[in-house]
Amino acid sequence: MDSIVKDISLAPNGHAKIEWVKNFMPVMSAIERAFKDSKPLAGKKIAIALHVEAKTGYMVEVFRNAGAEVALTGCNPLSTQDDVAAALVEDGITVFAKHGCTPEEYDELLNKTLDIEPDLIIDDGGDLVKMIHAKRRELIPKIIGGSEETTTGVIRLKSMERRGELEFPMIAANDAYCKYLFDNRYGTGQSTWDGIMRTTNLVVAGKNVVIAGYGWCGKGAAMRAKGLGANVIVTEVDPIKAIEAVFDGFRVMPMKEAAKIGDVFLTLTGDKDVITEEHFPLMKNGVVLANSGHFDVEINIPQLESQSTSRKTVRHNVEEFLQKDGRKIYLLAEGRLVNLASGDGHPAEIMDLSFAVQFFSISFLVQRHAELKKQVYLIPNEINTQIAEIKLEAAGVKIDKLTEEQKAYLNQ
């Protein structure tokens, strides 16, 4: 199949990026060494929709070297790095991904990826699964299962399962310990502020930062904002998460109250209409709005535009919405994932764990699909333990082990 990328001449820079992250992904390197000869995925076709950047590039190479035939596309129009896409094509991997594609082109690229007629899928946000169930149902009999990378996609999958619509087993990779405890918390926390700071070149210290949503991503973003010297405010709808934020030392209040005092607003809920037309008129001049939820629906951009007299780009990835009273509201990265649309995404050491979860999720499906039902599964905890052990060994960290007497005591 002919790949679709923006510019194949960008490949050298993409190769350099992939080579760089390989140095900091020891778990994926261990997996590659372990399976490059036995090729346990030989004969399997995998359709993958992920953020097309360097860490993903290395993950795809590991799958290919384990025997799989792979087709890769992006899961967000602004997160594809065209040089990485070109490098993968030059390495013989099928890629359908371009930065800045239109919604129509995005759907076309998803469709092209599914033309591989996959046995397995890896999804990020659920768009591949949605397209298969809505438009490409002829593929369903061949698909033995898939794996979902992020919170939003798992929510969509569980809704499909409840309605009886899910047609094949899916692994909630996002819900694995070695994913959400590190990727969602430390990865999102660091990469989000990296994206915001490199885009705005503004100080964080001393500002009122409003974190919408105190799940694992929100916890990480709040923790990093506090470390940068911000005054952190959390908004929540879940009483348990709200009291957790209070105990973590943050102010908690409704968005209507936070809107009056916030300087930077960051949404990480996975839901729509977190910041809307009722909040924009309350905001101070010069506020910055950003989103690290998967879809660009958490900040209601059409409502913001309807309340504005003008909308213009004032800096790369920064749009100014001029209000009727002269206030200016700034939106980053079109309300899309700011850590990827305005940055390089999660650190390599973090994605090392997440993509190891993906590899073992796919391996689990290959080995066990005959006994699985059409529902959402967690990976067995021994896989989490195995990944953590490899990571610790690579870091030169040793831990204690239970004695036989201790094991007996715990199991009595």
Protein backbone atom coordinates (compact mmCIF):
# COMPACT_ATOMS: atom_id res chain seq x y z
CA MET A 1 0.00 0.00 0.00
CA ASP A 2 1.25 3.47 -0.83
CA SER A 3 1.78 5.64 2.21
CA ILE A 4 0.46 9.20 2.52
CA VAL A 5 2.79 11.66 4.26
CA LYS A 6 3.48 15.35 3.78
CA ASP A 7 7.11 15.32 2.65
CA ILE A 8 9.39 12.28 2.43
CA SER A 9 12.46 14.55 2.31
CA LEU A 10 11.91 15.28 6.02
CA ALA A 11 12.94 11.71 6.89
CA PRO A 12 16.52 12.42 8.10
CA ASN A 13 15.27 14.63 10.93
CA GLY A 14 12.66 12.01 11.82
CA HIS A 15 15.32 9.31 11.99
CA ALA A 16 17.34 11.47 14.37
CA LYS A 17 14.32 11.93 16.65
CA ILE A 18 13.60 8.20 16.77
CA GLU A 19 17.26 7.36 17.45
CA TRP A 20 17.26 9.86 20.32
CA VAL A 21 14.26 8.38 22.13
CA LYS A 22 15.56 4.83 21.74
CA ASN A 23 18.30 5.74 24.22
CA PHE A 24 15.67 6.35 26.91
CA MET A 25 13.23 3.50 26.30
CA PRO A 26 14.96 0.46 27.84
CA VAL A 27 11.78 -1.59 28.28
CA MET A 28 10.90 -1.35 24.59
CA SER A 29 14.53 -2.13 23.73
CA ALA A 30 14.37 -5.24 25.92
CA ILE A 31 11.14 -6.31 24.20
CA GLU A 32 12.72 -5.78 20.79
CA ARG A 33 15.74 -7.91 21.72
CA ALA A 34 13.54 -10.63 23.21
CA PHE A 35 11.22 -11.07 20.22
CA LYS A 36 13.09 -10.01 17.07
CA ASP A 37 14.17 -13.60 16.36
CA SER A 38 11.09 -15.56 17.46
CA LYS A 39 8.69 -13.05 15.80
CA PRO A 40 5.55 -13.97 17.80
CA LEU A 41 3.43 -11.54 15.76
CA ALA A 42 4.34 -13.00 12.37
CA GLY A 43 1.37 -13.12 10.03
CA LYS A 44 -0.61 -10.54 12.04
CA LYS A 45 -1.71 -7.20 10.62
CA ILE A 46 -2.07 -4.30 13.07
CA ALA A 47 -3.86 -1.02 12.30
CA ILE A 48 -2.61 1.69 14.67
CA ALA A 49 -4.03 5.16 15.37
CA LEU A 50 -1.71 7.02 17.75
CA HIS A 51 0.06 10.36 17.95
CA VAL A 52 2.66 10.07 15.21
CA GLU A 53 5.85 11.22 16.90
CA ALA A 54 9.21 9.72 17.82
CA LYS A 55 8.18 7.43 20.71
CA THR A 56 5.33 6.03 18.64
CA GLY A 57 7.78 5.59 15.78
CA TYR A 58 10.00 3.36 17.90
CA MET A 59 7.02 1.38 19.19
CA VAL A 60 5.87 0.70 15.62
CA GLU A 61 9.37 -0.48 14.71
CA VAL A 62 9.33 -2.90 17.66
CA PHE A 63 6.00 -4.34 16.48
CA ARG A 64 7.37 -4.67 12.94
CA ASN A 65 10.53 -6.36 14.18
CA ALA A 66 8.39 -8.81 16.19
CA GLY A 67 6.86 -9.94 12.90
CA ALA A 68 3.74 -7.82 12.52
CA GLU A 69 2.65 -5.99 9.39
CA VAL A 70 1.75 -2.48 10.54
CA ALA A 71 -0.21 0.47 9.16
CA LEU A 72 -0.02 3.69 11.19
CA THR A 73 -2.17 6.81 11.20
CA GLY A 74 -2.55 9.79 13.51
CA CYS A 75 -5.22 10.12 16.18
CA ASN A 76 -5.22 13.93 16.21
CA PRO A 77 -4.87 16.34 13.26
CA LEU A 78 -2.29 18.51 15.04
CA SER A 79 -0.09 15.94 16.78
CA THR A 80 1.51 14.28 13.74
CA GLN A 81 5.18 15.12 13.26
CA ASP A 82 5.72 14.97 9.52
CA ASP A 83 9.43 14.19 9.78
CA VAL A 84 8.77 11.12 11.93
CA ALA A 85 6.05 9.94 9.52
CA ALA A 86 8.51 10.29 6.63
CA ALA A 87 11.24 8.40 8.49
CA LEU A 88 8.94 5.46 9.16
CA VAL A 89 7.94 5.28 5.49
CA GLU A 90 11.60 5.30 4.53
CA ASP A 91 12.05 2.36 6.93
CA GLY A 92 9.37 0.40 5.09
CA ILE A 93 6.41 1.02 7.39
CA THR A 94 3.03 2.00 5.93
CA VAL A 95 1.96 5.42 7.24
CA PHE A 96 -1.10 7.55 6.54
CA ALA A 97 -0.56 10.75 8.52
CA LYS A 98 -0.13 14.48 7.88
CA HIS A 99 0.05 17.37 10.32
CA GLY A 100 -2.83 19.81 10.04
CA CYS A 101 -5.13 17.60 8.00
CA THR A 102 -8.78 18.60 7.66
CA PRO A 103 -11.54 16.55 9.33
CA GLU A 104 -12.32 15.02 5.94
CA GLU A 105 -8.67 14.12 5.34
CA TYR A 106 -8.42 12.73 8.87
CA ASP A 107 -11.30 10.31 8.17
CA GLU A 108 -9.76 9.37 4.84
CA LEU A 109 -6.44 8.53 6.52
CA LEU A 110 -8.22 6.38 9.13
CA ASN A 111 -9.98 4.56 6.31
CA LYS A 112 -6.73 3.99 4.43
CA THR A 113 -5.21 2.46 7.56
CA LEU A 114 -8.10 0.04 7.87
CA ASP A 115 -7.63 -1.03 4.25
CA ILE A 116 -4.83 -3.23 5.56
CA GLU A 117 -7.67 -5.51 6.78
CA PRO A 118 -6.23 -5.80 10.29
CA ASP A 119 -6.26 -8.70 12.70
CA LEU A 120 -5.65 -6.29 15.58
CA ILE A 121 -5.97 -2.58 16.27
CA ILE A 122 -4.31 -0.10 18.60
CA ASP A 123 -6.47 2.97 19.13
CA ASP A 124 -6.06 6.29 20.93
CA GLY A 125 -9.38 7.98 21.57
CA GLY A 126 -11.57 5.37 19.91
CA ASP A 127 -11.81 6.74 16.36
CA LEU A 128 -10.64 3.51 14.71
CA VAL A 129 -13.12 1.44 16.71
CA LYS A 130 -15.89 3.91 15.93
CA MET A 131 -15.16 3.81 12.20
CA ILE A 132 -15.01 0.01 12.13
CA HIS A 133 -18.39 -0.30 13.86
CA ALA A 134 -20.07 2.47 11.85
CA LYS A 135 -18.58 2.27 8.35
CA ARG A 136 -16.23 -0.71 8.01
CA ARG A 137 -18.21 -3.57 9.49
CA GLU A 138 -16.95 -5.94 6.80
CA LEU A 139 -13.66 -5.99 8.74
CA ILE A 140 -15.18 -7.23 12.00
CA PRO A 141 -15.06 -11.02 11.34
CA LYS A 142 -11.27 -10.92 10.93
CA ILE A 143 -10.48 -8.69 13.93
CA ILE A 144 -9.48 -10.68 17.01
CA GLY A 145 -9.25 -7.63 19.27
CA GLY A 146 -7.55 -4.38 20.05
CA SER A 147 -6.06 -2.12 22.67
CA GLU A 148 -7.04 1.42 23.71
CA GLU A 149 -4.44 3.96 24.82
CA THR A 150 -6.33 6.74 26.56
CA THR A 151 -9.07 7.54 29.08
CA THR A 152 -11.49 9.01 26.55
CA GLY A 153 -11.29 5.93 24.36
CA VAL A 154 -11.85 3.56 27.28
CA ILE A 155 -14.94 5.55 28.28
CA ARG A 156 -16.30 5.16 24.75
CA LEU A 157 -15.52 1.43 24.71
CA LYS A 158 -17.25 0.79 28.03
CA SER A 159 -20.33 2.65 26.78
CA MET A 160 -20.37 0.43 23.69
CA GLU A 161 -20.00 -2.65 25.86
CA ARG A 162 -22.93 -1.60 28.09
CA ARG A 163 -25.10 -1.09 25.02
CA GLY A 164 -24.10 -4.47 23.59
CA GLU A 165 -22.50 -2.85 20.54
CA LEU A 166 -18.85 -3.88 20.96
CA GLU A 167 -18.02 -6.54 18.36
CA PHE A 168 -14.61 -7.75 19.57
CA PRO A 169 -12.55 -7.79 22.79
CA MET A 170 -10.59 -4.66 23.67
CA ILE A 171 -7.82 -4.23 26.23
CA ALA A 172 -8.02 -1.03 28.30
CA ALA A 173 -4.29 -0.32 28.13
CA ASN A 174 -4.99 3.06 29.70
CA ASP A 175 -6.22 1.37 32.88
CA ALA A 176 -3.07 -0.68 33.42
CA TYR A 177 -1.04 0.35 36.48
CA CYS A 178 2.08 0.87 34.37
CA LYS A 179 0.12 3.23 32.15
CA TYR A 180 -2.11 5.55 34.15
CA LEU A 181 0.05 5.85 37.28
CA PHE A 182 2.93 7.17 35.17
CA ASP A 183 1.72 8.24 31.72
CA ASN A 184 -1.43 10.05 32.87
CA ARG A 185 0.15 11.59 35.95
CA TYR A 186 3.81 12.30 35.24
CA GLY A 187 3.65 12.26 31.44
CA THR A 188 0.63 14.56 31.10
CA GLY A 189 1.82 16.75 33.96
CA GLN A 190 5.22 17.48 32.44
CA SER A 191 4.35 17.52 28.75
CA THR A 192 1.32 19.77 29.21
CA TRP A 193 3.29 22.49 30.93
CA ASP A 194 6.10 22.04 28.43
CA GLY A 195 3.57 22.73 25.65
CA ILE A 196 2.03 25.72 27.41
CA MET A 197 5.33 27.33 28.32
CA ARG A 198 7.06 26.88 24.98
CA THR A 199 3.95 28.22 23.22
CA THR A 200 3.33 31.29 25.37
CA ASN A 201 6.81 32.07 26.79
CA LEU A 202 4.99 33.30 29.90
CA VAL A 203 5.82 32.75 33.56
CA VAL A 204 3.76 30.25 35.57
CA ALA A 205 4.93 31.26 39.04
CA GLY A 206 2.47 33.50 40.86
CA LYS A 207 -0.40 32.87 38.46
CA ASN A 208 -3.79 31.42 39.38
CA VAL A 209 -3.95 28.16 37.44
CA VAL A 210 -7.35 26.48 37.15
CA ILE A 211 -7.21 22.71 36.64
CA ALA A 212 -10.54 21.32 35.42
CA GLY A 213 -10.73 17.66 36.40
CA TYR A 214 -8.77 15.88 39.11
CA GLY A 215 -8.32 12.46 37.60
CA TRP A 216 -4.82 11.11 37.09
CA CYS A 217 -4.08 13.62 34.32
CA GLY A 218 -5.43 16.48 36.42
CA LYS A 219 -3.41 15.34 39.43
CA GLY A 220 -0.23 15.42 37.35
CA ALA A 221 -0.97 18.84 35.84
CA ALA A 222 -1.82 20.29 39.26
CA MET A 223 1.31 18.84 40.83
CA ARG A 224 3.55 20.30 38.12
CA ALA A 225 1.79 23.69 38.24
CA LYS A 226 2.37 23.82 41.99
CA GLY A 227 6.02 22.94 41.45
CA LEU A 228 6.32 25.83 38.99
CA GLY A 229 5.03 28.23 41.66
CA ALA A 230 1.40 28.60 40.59
CA ASN A 231 -1.57 29.07 42.88
CA VAL A 232 -3.61 26.02 41.89
CA ILE A 233 -7.40 25.90 41.83
CA VAL A 234 -9.25 22.67 41.01
CA THR A 235 -12.77 22.31 39.63
CA GLU A 236 -14.51 18.94 39.91
CA VAL A 237 -17.89 17.19 39.69
CA ASP A 238 -16.83 14.12 41.70
CA PRO A 239 -17.00 14.68 45.49
CA ILE A 240 -14.28 12.09 46.18
CA LYS A 241 -11.83 13.62 43.72
CA ALA A 242 -12.71 17.08 45.02
CA ILE A 243 -11.91 16.20 48.62
CA GLU A 244 -8.72 14.52 47.43
CA ALA A 245 -7.70 17.81 45.80
CA VAL A 246 -8.46 19.62 49.07
CA PHE A 247 -6.30 17.17 51.01
CA ASP A 248 -3.54 17.66 48.43
CA GLY A 249 -3.54 21.34 49.36
CA PHE A 250 -5.47 22.89 46.48
CA ARG A 251 -8.42 25.27 46.47
CA VAL A 252 -11.59 23.70 45.07
CA MET A 253 -14.51 25.67 43.68
CA PRO A 254 -17.05 25.69 40.81
CA MET A 255 -15.87 26.86 37.40
CA LYS A 256 -18.13 29.92 37.67
CA GLU A 257 -16.10 31.11 40.65
CA ALA A 258 -12.74 30.05 39.24
CA ALA A 259 -13.49 31.88 35.98
CA LYS A 260 -13.35 35.21 37.83
CA ILE A 261 -9.84 34.76 39.22
CA GLY A 262 -7.98 32.35 36.92
CA ASP A 263 -5.03 33.39 34.76
CA VAL A 264 -4.50 30.02 33.04
CA PHE A 265 -7.26 27.46 32.52
CA LEU A 266 -6.45 23.85 31.71
CA THR A 267 -9.10 21.21 31.00
CA LEU A 268 -8.39 17.49 31.49
CA THR A 269 -11.80 15.88 32.00
CA GLY A 270 -12.58 13.81 28.91
CA ASP A 271 -16.02 15.48 28.77
CA LYS A 272 -17.50 18.30 26.70
CA ASP A 273 -18.48 21.88 27.61
CA VAL A 274 -16.26 22.26 30.65
CA ILE A 275 -15.69 25.95 29.84
CA THR A 276 -18.60 27.59 28.04
CA GLU A 277 -20.39 30.84 27.21
CA GLU A 278 -21.38 31.33 30.85
CA HIS A 279 -17.72 31.43 31.88
CA PHE A 280 -16.06 33.55 29.17
CA PRO A 281 -17.71 36.87 30.22
CA LEU A 282 -16.42 36.38 33.77
CA MET A 283 -12.78 36.00 32.79
CA LYS A 284 -10.03 38.58 33.20
CA ASN A 285 -8.28 40.24 30.30
CA GLY A 286 -5.39 38.14 28.95
CA VAL A 287 -6.40 34.73 30.29
CA VAL A 288 -4.94 31.67 28.60
CA LEU A 289 -7.12 28.63 27.80
CA ALA A 290 -5.61 25.22 27.09
CA ASN A 291 -6.81 21.63 26.90
CA SER A 292 -5.11 18.29 27.53
CA GLY A 293 -8.21 16.14 27.12
CA HIS A 294 -8.26 13.98 24.01
CA PHE A 295 -10.88 15.89 21.99
CA ASP A 296 -11.26 19.62 21.32
CA VAL A 297 -14.71 19.83 22.94
CA GLU A 298 -13.83 20.64 26.55
CA ILE A 299 -13.59 24.36 25.78
CA ASN A 300 -16.64 25.35 23.73
CA ILE A 301 -14.85 27.20 20.96
CA PRO A 302 -17.93 28.00 18.81
CA GLN A 303 -19.51 29.74 21.81
CA LEU A 304 -16.29 31.64 22.49
CA GLU A 305 -16.13 32.75 18.88
CA SER A 306 -19.77 33.83 18.88
CA GLN A 307 -19.08 36.11 21.85
CA SER A 308 -16.00 37.63 20.20
CA THR A 309 -15.66 40.51 17.76
CA SER A 310 -12.56 39.01 16.18
CA ARG A 311 -10.45 35.86 16.13
CA LYS A 312 -6.86 35.94 14.95
CA THR A 313 -3.57 34.13 15.33
CA VAL A 314 -1.11 36.27 17.31
CA ARG A 315 1.65 33.71 17.81
CA HIS A 316 2.21 30.16 16.61
CA ASN A 317 -0.52 28.02 18.21
CA VAL A 318 -1.99 31.05 20.02
CA GLU A 319 -5.33 32.55 18.94
CA GLU A 320 -6.70 35.82 20.32
CA PHE A 321 -10.46 36.19 20.82
CA LEU A 322 -11.31 39.87 21.27
CA GLN A 323 -14.38 40.43 23.44
CA LYS A 324 -16.90 43.24 22.96
CA ASP A 325 -15.66 44.98 26.10
CA GLY A 326 -12.05 44.91 24.90
CA ARG A 327 -10.87 41.89 26.90
CA LYS A 328 -8.63 39.42 25.16
CA ILE A 329 -8.92 35.66 25.68
CA TYR A 330 -6.13 33.47 24.33
CA LEU A 331 -6.68 29.89 23.16
CA LEU A 332 -3.78 27.51 22.67
CA ALA A 333 -3.50 24.87 19.93
CA GLU A 334 -7.11 25.30 18.74
CA GLY A 335 -8.27 23.70 21.97
CA ARG A 336 -6.64 20.41 21.02
CA LEU A 337 -4.13 18.42 23.07
CA VAL A 338 -1.70 21.17 24.01
CA ASN A 339 1.07 18.77 25.03
CA LEU A 340 1.20 17.28 21.53
CA ALA A 341 -0.11 20.08 19.32
CA SER A 342 2.32 22.52 20.97
CA GLY A 343 5.02 20.13 22.18
CA ASP A 344 6.58 16.71 21.78
CA GLY A 345 4.18 14.82 24.01
CA HIS A 346 5.14 12.70 26.98
CA PRO A 347 8.80 12.08 27.86
CA ALA A 348 10.43 9.02 26.33
CA GLU A 349 10.94 7.32 29.71
CA ILE A 350 7.18 7.53 30.36
CA MET A 351 6.07 6.24 26.97
CA ASP A 352 8.52 3.38 27.42
CA LEU A 353 6.12 2.01 30.04
CA SER A 354 2.92 2.84 28.13
CA PHE A 355 4.04 1.25 24.90
CA ALA A 356 5.28 -1.83 26.74
CA VAL A 357 1.72 -2.16 28.01
CA GLN A 358 0.52 -1.90 24.41
CA PHE A 359 2.93 -4.59 23.21
CA PHE A 360 1.94 -7.05 25.92
CA SER A 361 -1.76 -6.23 25.42
CA ILE A 362 -1.50 -7.20 21.77
CA SER A 363 0.50 -10.31 22.65
CA PHE A 364 -2.17 -11.25 25.21
CA LEU A 365 -4.88 -10.95 22.55
CA VAL A 366 -2.93 -13.08 20.10
CA GLN A 367 -2.45 -15.81 22.70
CA ARG A 368 -5.85 -15.71 24.41
CA HIS A 369 -8.38 -14.29 21.94
CA ALA A 370 -10.24 -17.60 21.56
CA GLU A 371 -11.38 -17.45 25.20
CA LEU A 372 -12.23 -13.73 25.30
CA LYS A 373 -15.70 -12.23 25.01
CA LYS A 374 -16.79 -9.02 23.31
CA GLN A 375 -15.94 -6.78 26.23
CA VAL A 376 -13.29 -4.50 27.72
CA TYR A 377 -10.46 -6.24 29.63
CA LEU A 378 -7.57 -5.25 31.86
CA ILE A 379 -4.19 -6.84 31.26
CA PRO A 380 -3.20 -9.36 33.95
CA ASN A 381 -1.31 -7.74 36.82
CA GLU A 382 1.70 -10.00 36.31
CA ILE A 383 2.33 -8.11 33.06
CA ASN A 384 2.40 -4.81 34.97
CA THR A 385 4.87 -6.38 37.38
CA GLN A 386 7.04 -7.68 34.55
CA ILE A 387 7.19 -4.24 32.91
CA ALA A 388 8.05 -2.55 36.21
CA GLU A 389 10.81 -5.08 36.91
CA ILE A 390 12.43 -4.43 33.51
CA LYS A 391 12.23 -0.68 34.09
CA LEU A 392 13.78 -0.92 37.56
CA GLU A 393 16.59 -3.16 36.31
CA ALA A 394 17.37 -0.71 33.50
CA ALA A 395 17.50 2.12 36.06
CA GLY A 396 19.83 0.14 38.31
CA VAL A 397 17.27 0.10 41.12
CA LYS A 398 17.07 -2.93 43.41
CA ILE A 399 14.19 -3.75 45.77
CA ASP A 400 13.56 -6.23 48.57
CA LYS A 401 11.93 -9.62 48.08
CA LEU A 402 9.56 -11.43 50.38
CA THR A 403 10.91 -14.39 52.29
CA GLU A 404 9.01 -17.67 52.14
CA GLU A 405 7.82 -17.05 55.70
CA GLN A 406 6.50 -13.61 54.72
CA LYS A 407 4.66 -15.06 51.72
CA ALA A 408 3.09 -17.71 53.94
CA TYR A 409 2.02 -15.09 56.46
CA LEU A 410 0.32 -12.95 53.77
CA ASN A 411 -1.44 -15.98 52.28
CA GLN A 412 -2.74 -17.52 55.50
